[in-house]
Structures are given as C-alpha cells and as structure tokens.
Protein backbone atom coordinates (compact mmCIF):
# COMPACT_ATOMS: atom_id res chain seq x y z
CA MET A 1 -7.78 6.97 -5.95
CA THR A 2 -7.86 9.40 -2.95
CA LEU A 3 -5.58 9.58 0.04
CA GLN A 4 -8.69 8.90 2.29
CA ALA A 5 -9.37 5.32 0.73
CA ILE A 6 -5.75 4.36 1.41
CA HIS A 7 -5.82 5.80 4.85
CA ARG A 8 -8.78 3.97 5.80
CA LEU A 9 -6.83 0.55 4.93
CA TYR A 10 -3.81 1.93 6.87
CA GLU A 11 -5.51 2.91 9.88
CA SER A 12 -7.82 -0.12 10.09
CA ARG A 13 -7.23 -2.25 13.22
CA PRO A 14 -6.21 -4.82 13.26
CA PHE A 15 -3.81 -3.76 10.41
CA ARG A 16 -4.34 -6.15 7.32
CA PRO A 17 -1.63 -5.80 4.75
CA PHE A 18 -2.65 -4.78 1.25
CA VAL A 19 -1.37 -4.12 -2.37
CA ILE A 20 -1.38 -0.90 -4.40
CA HIS A 21 -1.84 -1.38 -8.07
CA LEU A 22 -0.49 1.27 -10.31
CA ALA A 23 -1.27 2.30 -13.86
CA ASP A 24 1.99 0.96 -15.24
CA GLY A 25 1.15 -2.52 -13.76
CA ARG A 26 3.47 -2.51 -10.78
CA LYS A 27 2.15 -3.93 -7.45
CA ILE A 28 3.50 -2.27 -4.28
CA PRO A 29 2.87 -4.31 -1.05
CA VAL A 30 2.24 -2.45 2.09
CA GLN A 31 3.23 -4.96 4.82
CA HIS A 32 2.92 -2.81 7.96
CA PRO A 33 1.59 0.44 8.75
CA GLU A 34 5.17 1.69 9.78
CA PHE A 35 6.17 1.00 6.33
CA MET A 36 4.07 3.73 4.63
CA ALA A 37 4.00 7.71 5.08
CA SER A 38 2.11 10.51 3.21
CA ALA A 39 3.35 13.84 2.13
CA PRO A 40 1.61 16.78 3.74
CA SER A 41 0.09 17.73 0.20
CA GLY A 42 -1.88 14.48 0.35
CA ARG A 43 -0.90 13.51 -3.23
CA THR A 44 2.20 11.39 -2.66
CA ILE A 45 2.90 8.32 -0.48
CA PHE A 46 6.02 6.78 0.42
CA VAL A 47 6.06 2.88 0.69
CA TYR A 48 9.09 1.05 2.35
CA GLY A 49 10.17 -2.45 1.82
CA SER A 50 11.41 -4.87 4.54
CA ASP A 51 14.85 -4.39 2.96
CA ASP A 52 14.78 -0.49 3.31
CA SER A 53 13.94 0.16 -0.45
CA PHE A 54 11.22 2.53 -1.00
CA HIS A 55 8.74 3.79 -3.70
CA ILE A 56 7.38 7.22 -4.05
CA ILE A 57 3.82 6.95 -5.39
CA ASP A 58 1.72 9.70 -7.15
CA LEU A 59 -2.03 8.75 -5.97
CA LEU A 60 -3.14 9.86 -9.46
CA LEU A 61 -1.42 6.61 -10.67
CA VAL A 62 -3.10 4.29 -8.25
CA THR A 63 -5.80 1.97 -10.08
CA ASP A 64 -6.74 -0.38 -7.26
CA LEU A 65 -5.92 -1.55 -3.62
CA GLU A 66 -6.06 -5.10 -3.00
CA ILE A 67 -6.56 -6.58 0.33
CA LYS A 68 -5.68 -10.47 0.58
CA PRO A 69 -8.56 -12.51 2.09
CA ASN A 70 -6.30 -13.66 5.06
CA GLY A 71 -4.17 -10.55 5.36
CA SER A 72 -1.09 -12.29 3.94
CA LEU A 73 0.85 -10.98 0.98
CA LYS A 74 2.87 -14.18 0.27
CA ARG A 75 1.53 -17.16 -1.53
CA ARG A 76 1.59 -20.43 0.13
CA LYS A 77 2.43 -23.64 -1.42
CA SER A 78 -0.05 -26.37 -1.11
C-alpha cells in the first residue's frame, strides 16, 4: 500500500471515513481527516481515535483500504 493511495482518501472532499486493514487482521477506522497524520518519511502514519488513543501504522503492513458505501463506520440496527 502506498502513502499516495491513503492520501487520495484522506484528501477527498467531501471526506468519507474509511477503514485501514492491517496484515495482522486489525481494522483501524479513520473517522475524520484531523485524526490522521503521516511521518515525513512517508512510511508511517498515525491514526487517532475519538478517545485520544492512537495507532502508529507501518504502511508495509496495510493490506486494504475500505470505504463504507454511505461513509459511515458504524452499523445501523434495522
């Protein structure tokens, strides 16, 4: 996965929340553009949660980027 692919999602307007899938099976939601930053080297990104938790992600471990059809990261009950 490249930083450019993630930046295309990050910079899209209007912003649509997306999920970063990692090789170890974790799924990291990016809920808002202000919740993500990239290192100057371009190999690492930082993703913050709404509770001030954060993930440091090596882009070599990213396997997929998922965009929800309606831009929502939460499931709705029927």
